[in-house]
């Protein structure tokens, strides 16, 4: 059962989340150019003397923790193939976590706007769309697991 299509969906979702965890997920841009970058572990501000972390505003470590939990659960979900009902619940929980990640992402994008002393705007990076793709992949895995469960139940009625 480990060679089923849902294994590929769950593995791809895990890989996309790990890529998102290590990439820049947003840019703060002023009239002078790029002022800062938002990562899952914090917001880095670019100044003439170099880059520094906006630690006075607190880190956005919650984004990293949510993605770390989700990627771990998605990967471990591959090996729960004998427990399809649990596998479907874990898929649903992971999708809810990723929706929560987007809410947290919006909060931190707005929260760090006040840290810059000039007028800046926020631009979403391409890497921030990877959790959305992971939600789609998790939904496809959920559907494939549900299909397997229905097949097993239909075979139980024949015996």
N, C-alpha and C. Protein backbone atom coordinates (compact mmCIF):
# COMPACT_ATOMS: atom_id res chain seq x y z
N UNK A 1 0.81 -1.20 0.00
CA UNK A 1 0.00 0.00 0.00
C UNK A 1 0.85 1.27 0.00
N UNK A 2 2.13 1.16 0.34
CA UNK A 2 2.96 2.36 0.40
C UNK A 2 3.27 2.90 -1.00
N UNK A 3 3.07 2.12 -2.03
CA UNK A 3 3.36 2.58 -3.38
C UNK A 3 2.16 3.25 -4.04
N UNK A 4 1.14 3.60 -3.29
CA UNK A 4 -0.06 4.22 -3.82
C UNK A 4 0.20 5.68 -4.21
N UNK A 5 -0.73 6.28 -4.93
CA UNK A 5 -0.59 7.65 -5.43
C UNK A 5 -0.57 8.66 -4.29
N UNK A 6 -1.29 8.36 -3.18
CA UNK A 6 -1.30 9.31 -2.08
C UNK A 6 0.09 9.46 -1.46
N UNK A 7 0.94 8.46 -1.59
CA UNK A 7 2.32 8.57 -1.11
C UNK A 7 3.05 9.66 -1.88
N UNK A 8 2.86 9.69 -3.17
CA UNK A 8 3.49 10.74 -3.98
C UNK A 8 2.95 12.12 -3.62
N UNK A 9 1.64 12.23 -3.43
CA UNK A 9 1.05 13.51 -3.05
C UNK A 9 1.60 13.99 -1.71
N UNK A 10 1.66 13.09 -0.74
CA UNK A 10 2.15 13.47 0.59
C UNK A 10 3.64 13.81 0.56
N UNK A 11 4.41 13.07 -0.23
CA UNK A 11 5.84 13.37 -0.34
C UNK A 11 6.08 14.71 -1.03
N UNK A 12 5.33 14.99 -2.09
CA UNK A 12 5.47 16.29 -2.77
C UNK A 12 5.05 17.44 -1.85
N UNK A 13 3.99 17.24 -1.08
CA UNK A 13 3.56 18.28 -0.14
C UNK A 13 4.64 18.54 0.89
N UNK A 14 5.28 17.49 1.38
CA UNK A 14 6.36 17.65 2.35
C UNK A 14 7.53 18.40 1.76
N UNK A 15 7.91 18.05 0.55
CA UNK A 15 9.05 18.71 -0.11
C UNK A 15 8.75 20.20 -0.33
N UNK A 16 7.54 20.52 -0.77
CA UNK A 16 7.19 21.93 -0.99
C UNK A 16 7.20 22.73 0.30
N UNK A 17 6.76 22.13 1.39
CA UNK A 17 6.76 22.83 2.68
C UNK A 17 8.19 23.06 3.16
N UNK A 18 9.06 22.10 2.97
CA UNK A 18 10.47 22.27 3.38
C UNK A 18 11.13 23.37 2.55
N UNK A 19 10.81 23.43 1.26
CA UNK A 19 11.35 24.51 0.42
C UNK A 19 10.84 25.86 0.90
N UNK A 20 9.56 25.92 1.25
CA UNK A 20 8.98 27.18 1.74
C UNK A 20 9.60 27.59 3.07
N UNK A 21 9.93 26.61 3.91
CA UNK A 21 10.53 26.93 5.22
C UNK A 21 11.88 27.63 5.06
N UNK A 22 12.60 27.31 4.01
CA UNK A 22 13.95 27.85 3.86
C UNK A 22 14.04 29.01 2.86
N UNK A 23 12.92 29.50 2.40
CA UNK A 23 12.93 30.56 1.38
C UNK A 23 12.36 31.87 1.93
N UNK A 24 12.63 32.92 1.21
CA UNK A 24 12.07 34.23 1.52
C UNK A 24 10.60 34.24 1.11
N UNK A 25 9.73 34.68 2.01
CA UNK A 25 8.29 34.63 1.72
C UNK A 25 7.67 36.01 1.52
N UNK A 26 8.47 37.07 1.59
CA UNK A 26 7.94 38.40 1.36
C UNK A 26 9.03 39.45 1.34
N UNK A 27 8.72 40.57 0.68
CA UNK A 27 9.67 41.68 0.56
C UNK A 27 9.01 42.96 1.05
N UNK A 28 9.78 43.77 1.74
CA UNK A 28 9.36 45.12 2.11
C UNK A 28 10.10 46.07 1.20
N UNK A 29 9.34 46.88 0.47
CA UNK A 29 9.93 47.74 -0.55
C UNK A 29 9.58 49.18 -0.26
N UNK A 30 10.58 50.04 -0.27
CA UNK A 30 10.37 51.49 -0.14
C UNK A 30 10.66 52.13 -1.49
N UNK A 31 10.63 53.46 -1.52
CA UNK A 31 10.92 54.15 -2.77
C UNK A 31 12.37 53.98 -3.19
N UNK A 32 13.26 53.73 -2.22
CA UNK A 32 14.68 53.56 -2.51
C UNK A 32 15.00 52.17 -3.06
N UNK A 33 14.12 51.24 -2.89
CA UNK A 33 14.36 49.86 -3.32
C UNK A 33 13.97 48.91 -2.20
N UNK A 34 14.55 47.71 -2.25
CA UNK A 34 14.22 46.69 -1.25
C UNK A 34 14.76 47.10 0.12
N UNK A 35 13.90 47.10 1.11
CA UNK A 35 14.27 47.49 2.46
C UNK A 35 14.44 46.30 3.38
N UNK A 36 13.62 45.26 3.20
CA UNK A 36 13.71 44.10 4.08
C UNK A 36 13.09 42.88 3.45
N UNK A 37 13.35 41.74 4.10
CA UNK A 37 12.80 40.48 3.64
C UNK A 37 12.17 39.75 4.82
N UNK A 38 11.06 39.09 4.55
CA UNK A 38 10.39 38.30 5.58
C UNK A 38 10.67 36.83 5.32
N UNK A 39 11.24 36.18 6.32
CA UNK A 39 11.49 34.74 6.28
C UNK A 39 10.59 34.08 7.32
N UNK A 40 10.58 32.77 7.36
CA UNK A 40 9.77 32.05 8.33
C UNK A 40 10.33 32.19 9.75
N UNK A 41 11.58 32.54 9.88
CA UNK A 41 12.18 32.69 11.20
C UNK A 41 12.37 34.15 11.61
N UNK A 42 12.09 35.09 10.77
CA UNK A 42 12.25 36.48 11.15
C UNK A 42 12.23 37.41 9.96
N UNK A 43 12.33 38.69 10.27
CA UNK A 43 12.35 39.72 9.25
C UNK A 43 13.73 40.35 9.23
N UNK A 44 14.38 40.34 8.10
CA UNK A 44 15.71 40.90 7.96
C UNK A 44 15.60 42.26 7.28
N UNK A 45 16.26 43.22 7.85
CA UNK A 45 16.21 44.58 7.35
C UNK A 45 17.56 44.92 6.71
N UNK A 46 17.56 45.44 5.52
CA UNK A 46 18.79 45.80 4.81
C UNK A 46 19.09 47.28 5.03
N UNK A 47 20.24 47.55 5.56
CA UNK A 47 20.71 48.93 5.76
C UNK A 47 22.08 49.09 5.11
N UNK A 48 22.61 50.30 5.15
CA UNK A 48 23.91 50.56 4.54
C UNK A 48 25.02 49.76 5.20
N UNK A 49 24.92 49.56 6.52
CA UNK A 49 25.97 48.84 7.23
C UNK A 49 25.79 47.32 7.18
N UNK A 50 24.78 46.82 6.52
CA UNK A 50 24.57 45.38 6.38
C UNK A 50 23.15 44.98 6.74
N UNK A 51 22.93 43.70 6.87
CA UNK A 51 21.62 43.17 7.21
C UNK A 51 21.55 42.88 8.71
N UNK A 52 20.39 43.10 9.28
CA UNK A 52 20.20 42.74 10.67
C UNK A 52 18.77 42.25 10.87
N UNK A 53 18.60 41.45 11.91
CA UNK A 53 17.30 40.88 12.23
C UNK A 53 16.51 41.88 13.06
N UNK A 54 15.24 42.06 12.75
CA UNK A 54 14.39 42.95 13.53
C UNK A 54 13.96 42.23 14.81
N UNK A 55 14.89 42.07 15.73
CA UNK A 55 14.61 41.31 16.95
C UNK A 55 13.79 42.11 17.95
N UNK A 56 13.80 43.43 17.84
CA UNK A 56 13.02 44.23 18.77
C UNK A 56 11.53 44.04 18.56
N UNK A 57 11.13 43.62 17.37
CA UNK A 57 9.72 43.41 17.05
C UNK A 57 9.30 41.96 17.33
N UNK A 58 10.23 41.12 17.71
CA UNK A 58 9.91 39.71 17.91
C UNK A 58 10.08 38.97 16.59
N UNK A 59 10.38 37.71 16.69
CA UNK A 59 10.58 36.91 15.48
C UNK A 59 9.27 36.30 14.99
N UNK A 60 9.27 35.96 13.75
CA UNK A 60 8.10 35.28 13.19
C UNK A 60 8.31 33.77 13.25
N UNK A 61 8.85 33.30 14.36
CA UNK A 61 9.14 31.88 14.54
C UNK A 61 7.89 31.02 14.48
N UNK A 62 6.72 31.59 14.73
CA UNK A 62 5.47 30.81 14.67
C UNK A 62 5.25 30.27 13.26
N UNK A 63 5.63 31.02 12.24
CA UNK A 63 5.51 30.55 10.86
C UNK A 63 6.36 29.30 10.65
N UNK A 64 7.58 29.34 11.18
CA UNK A 64 8.48 28.20 11.04
C UNK A 64 7.96 26.98 11.78
N UNK A 65 7.44 27.19 12.99
CA UNK A 65 6.94 26.07 13.80
C UNK A 65 5.74 25.41 13.11
N UNK A 66 4.84 26.20 12.58
CA UNK A 66 3.67 25.64 11.89
C UNK A 66 4.11 24.79 10.70
N UNK A 67 5.05 25.29 9.91
CA UNK A 67 5.52 24.53 8.75
C UNK A 67 6.32 23.30 9.16
N UNK A 68 7.05 23.40 10.27
CA UNK A 68 7.81 22.25 10.76
C UNK A 68 6.87 21.14 11.21
N UNK A 69 5.82 21.49 11.92
CA UNK A 69 4.84 20.50 12.37
C UNK A 69 4.13 19.88 11.16
N UNK A 70 3.75 20.72 10.22
CA UNK A 70 3.02 20.23 9.05
C UNK A 70 3.89 19.32 8.20
N UNK A 71 5.15 19.67 7.98
CA UNK A 71 6.01 18.82 7.15
C UNK A 71 6.30 17.50 7.85
N UNK A 72 6.46 17.52 9.15
CA UNK A 72 6.69 16.28 9.89
C UNK A 72 5.47 15.38 9.83
N UNK A 73 4.29 15.96 10.04
CA UNK A 73 3.06 15.16 9.99
C UNK A 73 2.81 14.60 8.59
N UNK A 74 3.05 15.40 7.57
CA UNK A 74 2.83 14.92 6.20
C UNK A 74 3.77 13.77 5.87
N UNK A 75 5.00 13.89 6.32
CA UNK A 75 5.96 12.82 6.03
C UNK A 75 5.61 11.55 6.81
N UNK A 76 5.28 11.70 8.08
CA UNK A 76 4.91 10.52 8.88
C UNK A 76 3.59 9.91 8.43
N UNK A 77 2.74 10.71 7.81
CA UNK A 77 1.46 10.23 7.32
C UNK A 77 1.63 9.20 6.20
N UNK A 78 2.74 9.25 5.51
CA UNK A 78 3.02 8.28 4.46
C UNK A 78 3.05 6.86 5.04
N UNK A 79 3.57 6.72 6.24
CA UNK A 79 3.76 5.41 6.85
C UNK A 79 2.55 4.93 7.64
N UNK A 80 1.47 5.68 7.62
CA UNK A 80 0.24 5.27 8.29
C UNK A 80 -0.73 4.59 7.32
N UNK A 81 -0.20 3.95 6.30
CA UNK A 81 -1.06 3.41 5.25
C UNK A 81 -1.99 2.30 5.74
N UNK A 82 -1.69 1.67 6.86
CA UNK A 82 -2.58 0.63 7.38
C UNK A 82 -3.77 1.22 8.12
N UNK A 83 -3.68 2.48 8.49
CA UNK A 83 -4.73 3.17 9.25
C UNK A 83 -5.29 4.32 8.41
N UNK A 84 -6.14 3.96 7.47
CA UNK A 84 -6.63 4.95 6.51
C UNK A 84 -7.48 6.04 7.16
N UNK A 85 -8.27 5.71 8.17
CA UNK A 85 -9.09 6.72 8.83
C UNK A 85 -8.20 7.75 9.53
N UNK A 86 -7.16 7.28 10.18
CA UNK A 86 -6.22 8.19 10.83
C UNK A 86 -5.47 9.01 9.79
N UNK A 87 -5.14 8.39 8.68
CA UNK A 87 -4.44 9.09 7.60
C UNK A 87 -5.28 10.23 7.05
N UNK A 88 -6.59 10.01 6.92
CA UNK A 88 -7.46 11.07 6.43
C UNK A 88 -7.57 12.21 7.44
N UNK A 89 -7.61 11.87 8.74
CA UNK A 89 -7.67 12.91 9.77
C UNK A 89 -6.40 13.74 9.79
N UNK A 90 -5.26 13.08 9.62
CA UNK A 90 -3.98 13.81 9.61
C UNK A 90 -3.91 14.73 8.39
N UNK A 91 -4.40 14.28 7.25
CA UNK A 91 -4.44 15.14 6.05
C UNK A 91 -5.30 16.37 6.31
N UNK A 92 -6.45 16.17 6.91
CA UNK A 92 -7.35 17.29 7.22
C UNK A 92 -6.69 18.26 8.19
N UNK A 93 -6.04 17.71 9.22
CA UNK A 93 -5.36 18.56 10.20
C UNK A 93 -4.23 19.37 9.55
N UNK A 94 -3.50 18.74 8.63
CA UNK A 94 -2.41 19.44 7.93
C UNK A 94 -2.96 20.57 7.05
N UNK A 95 -4.10 20.34 6.40
CA UNK A 95 -4.70 21.40 5.59
C UNK A 95 -5.14 22.57 6.47
N UNK A 96 -5.70 22.27 7.63
CA UNK A 96 -6.10 23.33 8.57
C UNK A 96 -4.88 24.09 9.07
N UNK A 97 -3.78 23.36 9.34
CA UNK A 97 -2.54 24.03 9.77
C UNK A 97 -2.03 25.00 8.70
N UNK A 98 -2.12 24.61 7.46
CA UNK A 98 -1.63 25.48 6.39
C UNK A 98 -2.51 26.71 6.20
N UNK A 99 -3.81 26.55 6.40
CA UNK A 99 -4.68 27.73 6.37
C UNK A 99 -4.32 28.66 7.54
N UNK A 100 -4.03 28.07 8.70
CA UNK A 100 -3.57 28.86 9.84
C UNK A 100 -2.23 29.53 9.58
N UNK A 101 -1.37 28.87 8.79
CA UNK A 101 -0.10 29.48 8.43
C UNK A 101 -0.33 30.75 7.62
N UNK A 102 -1.29 30.71 6.69
CA UNK A 102 -1.57 31.91 5.90
C UNK A 102 -2.12 33.05 6.76
N UNK A 103 -2.92 32.72 7.75
CA UNK A 103 -3.42 33.76 8.66
C UNK A 103 -2.27 34.36 9.47
N UNK A 104 -1.38 33.52 9.94
CA UNK A 104 -0.21 33.99 10.69
C UNK A 104 0.73 34.78 9.79
N UNK A 105 0.87 34.35 8.56
CA UNK A 105 1.71 35.05 7.59
C UNK A 105 1.18 36.47 7.33
N UNK A 106 -0.12 36.59 7.18
CA UNK A 106 -0.72 37.91 6.97
C UNK A 106 -0.51 38.80 8.19
N UNK A 107 -0.62 38.21 9.39
CA UNK A 107 -0.39 38.99 10.60
C UNK A 107 1.04 39.50 10.67
N UNK A 108 2.02 38.64 10.44
CA UNK A 108 3.42 39.07 10.55
C UNK A 108 3.80 40.03 9.43
N UNK A 109 3.23 39.87 8.24
CA UNK A 109 3.51 40.82 7.16
C UNK A 109 3.03 42.22 7.56
N UNK A 110 1.87 42.30 8.19
CA UNK A 110 1.35 43.59 8.65
C UNK A 110 2.12 44.07 9.88
N UNK A 111 2.49 43.17 10.77
CA UNK A 111 3.15 43.50 12.03
C UNK A 111 4.51 44.16 11.81
N UNK A 112 5.28 43.67 10.85
CA UNK A 112 6.61 44.21 10.61
C UNK A 112 6.59 45.50 9.79
N UNK A 113 5.45 45.90 9.27
CA UNK A 113 5.39 47.17 8.52
C UNK A 113 5.73 48.36 9.41
N UNK A 114 5.35 48.29 10.69
CA UNK A 114 5.63 49.40 11.60
C UNK A 114 7.10 49.47 12.01
N UNK A 115 7.87 48.41 11.78
CA UNK A 115 9.27 48.39 12.20
C UNK A 115 10.16 49.27 11.33
N UNK A 116 9.72 49.57 10.14
CA UNK A 116 10.50 50.41 9.23
C UNK A 116 10.12 51.86 9.46
N UNK A 117 11.11 52.71 9.46
CA UNK A 117 10.88 54.12 9.77
C UNK A 117 10.47 54.93 8.55
N UNK A 118 10.56 54.33 7.40
CA UNK A 118 10.12 55.00 6.17
C UNK A 118 8.84 54.33 5.68
N UNK A 119 8.24 54.92 4.69
CA UNK A 119 7.03 54.35 4.10
C UNK A 119 7.41 53.15 3.24
N UNK A 120 6.95 51.98 3.62
CA UNK A 120 7.26 50.77 2.87
C UNK A 120 5.97 50.06 2.51
N UNK A 121 6.06 49.24 1.48
CA UNK A 121 4.94 48.38 1.09
C UNK A 121 5.42 46.94 1.12
N UNK A 122 4.48 46.04 1.21
CA UNK A 122 4.81 44.62 1.29
C UNK A 122 4.45 43.94 -0.02
N UNK A 123 5.37 43.09 -0.49
CA UNK A 123 5.14 42.30 -1.70
C UNK A 123 5.34 40.83 -1.37
N UNK A 124 4.37 40.03 -1.72
CA UNK A 124 4.42 38.60 -1.44
C UNK A 124 5.40 37.94 -2.40
N UNK A 125 6.24 37.05 -1.87
CA UNK A 125 7.18 36.32 -2.71
C UNK A 125 6.50 35.09 -3.31
N UNK A 126 7.07 34.57 -4.35
CA UNK A 126 6.53 33.41 -5.04
C UNK A 126 6.52 32.19 -4.12
N UNK A 127 7.51 32.10 -3.25
CA UNK A 127 7.65 30.94 -2.36
C UNK A 127 6.50 30.85 -1.37
N UNK A 128 5.78 31.93 -1.15
CA UNK A 128 4.65 31.89 -0.21
C UNK A 128 3.44 31.17 -0.81
N UNK A 129 3.48 30.86 -2.08
CA UNK A 129 2.38 30.11 -2.69
C UNK A 129 2.55 28.60 -2.54
N UNK A 130 3.70 28.15 -2.10
CA UNK A 130 3.93 26.71 -1.97
C UNK A 130 3.02 26.03 -0.96
N UNK A 131 2.70 26.66 0.19
CA UNK A 131 1.71 26.01 1.07
C UNK A 131 0.34 25.85 0.44
N UNK A 132 -0.05 26.75 -0.45
CA UNK A 132 -1.33 26.62 -1.15
C UNK A 132 -1.29 25.40 -2.07
N UNK A 133 -0.19 25.20 -2.76
CA UNK A 133 -0.04 24.01 -3.60
C UNK A 133 -0.05 22.75 -2.73
N UNK A 134 0.55 22.85 -1.54
CA UNK A 134 0.55 21.72 -0.61
C UNK A 134 -0.86 21.40 -0.12
N UNK A 135 -1.68 22.42 0.07
CA UNK A 135 -3.07 22.18 0.46
C UNK A 135 -3.79 21.38 -0.63
N UNK A 136 -3.54 21.74 -1.88
CA UNK A 136 -4.16 21.02 -3.00
C UNK A 136 -3.66 19.58 -3.03
N UNK A 137 -2.35 19.38 -2.83
CA UNK A 137 -1.80 18.03 -2.83
C UNK A 137 -2.34 17.20 -1.66
N UNK A 138 -2.50 17.82 -0.51
CA UNK A 138 -3.07 17.11 0.64
C UNK A 138 -4.52 16.74 0.39
N UNK A 139 -5.26 17.61 -0.30
CA UNK A 139 -6.63 17.28 -0.64
C UNK A 139 -6.69 16.10 -1.62
N UNK A 140 -5.79 16.09 -2.58
CA UNK A 140 -5.74 14.97 -3.52
C UNK A 140 -5.36 13.67 -2.80
N UNK A 141 -4.45 13.75 -1.84
CA UNK A 141 -4.10 12.57 -1.04
C UNK A 141 -5.30 12.10 -0.23
N UNK A 142 -6.04 13.06 0.35
CA UNK A 142 -7.24 12.72 1.10
C UNK A 142 -8.24 11.97 0.22
N UNK A 143 -8.44 12.46 -0.99
CA UNK A 143 -9.38 11.81 -1.91
C UNK A 143 -8.92 10.40 -2.29
N UNK A 144 -7.60 10.23 -2.50
CA UNK A 144 -7.08 8.91 -2.85
C UNK A 144 -7.21 7.94 -1.67
N UNK A 145 -6.98 8.42 -0.46
CA UNK A 145 -7.14 7.57 0.73
C UNK A 145 -8.61 7.18 0.90
N UNK A 146 -9.51 8.14 0.68
CA UNK A 146 -10.94 7.86 0.77
C UNK A 146 -11.37 6.83 -0.28
N UNK A 147 -10.81 6.93 -1.45
CA UNK A 147 -11.10 5.97 -2.51
C UNK A 147 -10.65 4.57 -2.11
N UNK A 148 -9.45 4.47 -1.53
CA UNK A 148 -8.97 3.17 -1.03
C UNK A 148 -9.87 2.62 0.06
N UNK A 149 -10.30 3.48 0.96
CA UNK A 149 -11.17 3.05 2.05
C UNK A 149 -12.50 2.53 1.51
N UNK A 150 -13.06 3.21 0.55
CA UNK A 150 -14.32 2.74 -0.05
C UNK A 150 -14.12 1.40 -0.76
N UNK A 151 -12.98 1.22 -1.43
CA UNK A 151 -12.71 -0.03 -2.09
C UNK A 151 -12.61 -1.18 -1.09
N UNK A 152 -11.92 -0.96 0.00
CA UNK A 152 -11.78 -1.99 1.03
C UNK A 152 -13.13 -2.33 1.64
N UNK A 153 -13.93 -1.32 1.92
CA UNK A 153 -15.26 -1.57 2.49
C UNK A 153 -16.18 -2.30 1.52
N UNK A 154 -16.07 -2.01 0.25
CA UNK A 154 -16.91 -2.71 -0.72
C UNK A 154 -16.50 -4.18 -0.84
N UNK A 155 -15.22 -4.44 -0.70
CA UNK A 155 -14.76 -5.82 -0.74
C UNK A 155 -15.17 -6.58 0.53
N UNK A 156 -15.30 -5.89 1.64
CA UNK A 156 -15.75 -6.54 2.87
C UNK A 156 -17.19 -7.01 2.76
N UNK A 157 -18.00 -6.33 2.01
CA UNK A 157 -19.41 -6.71 1.85
C UNK A 157 -19.56 -7.96 1.00
N UNK A 158 -18.62 -8.22 0.13
CA UNK A 158 -18.71 -9.38 -0.75
C UNK A 158 -18.40 -10.69 -0.02
N UNK A 159 -17.67 -10.63 1.06
CA UNK A 159 -17.28 -11.85 1.76
C UNK A 159 -18.38 -12.42 2.57
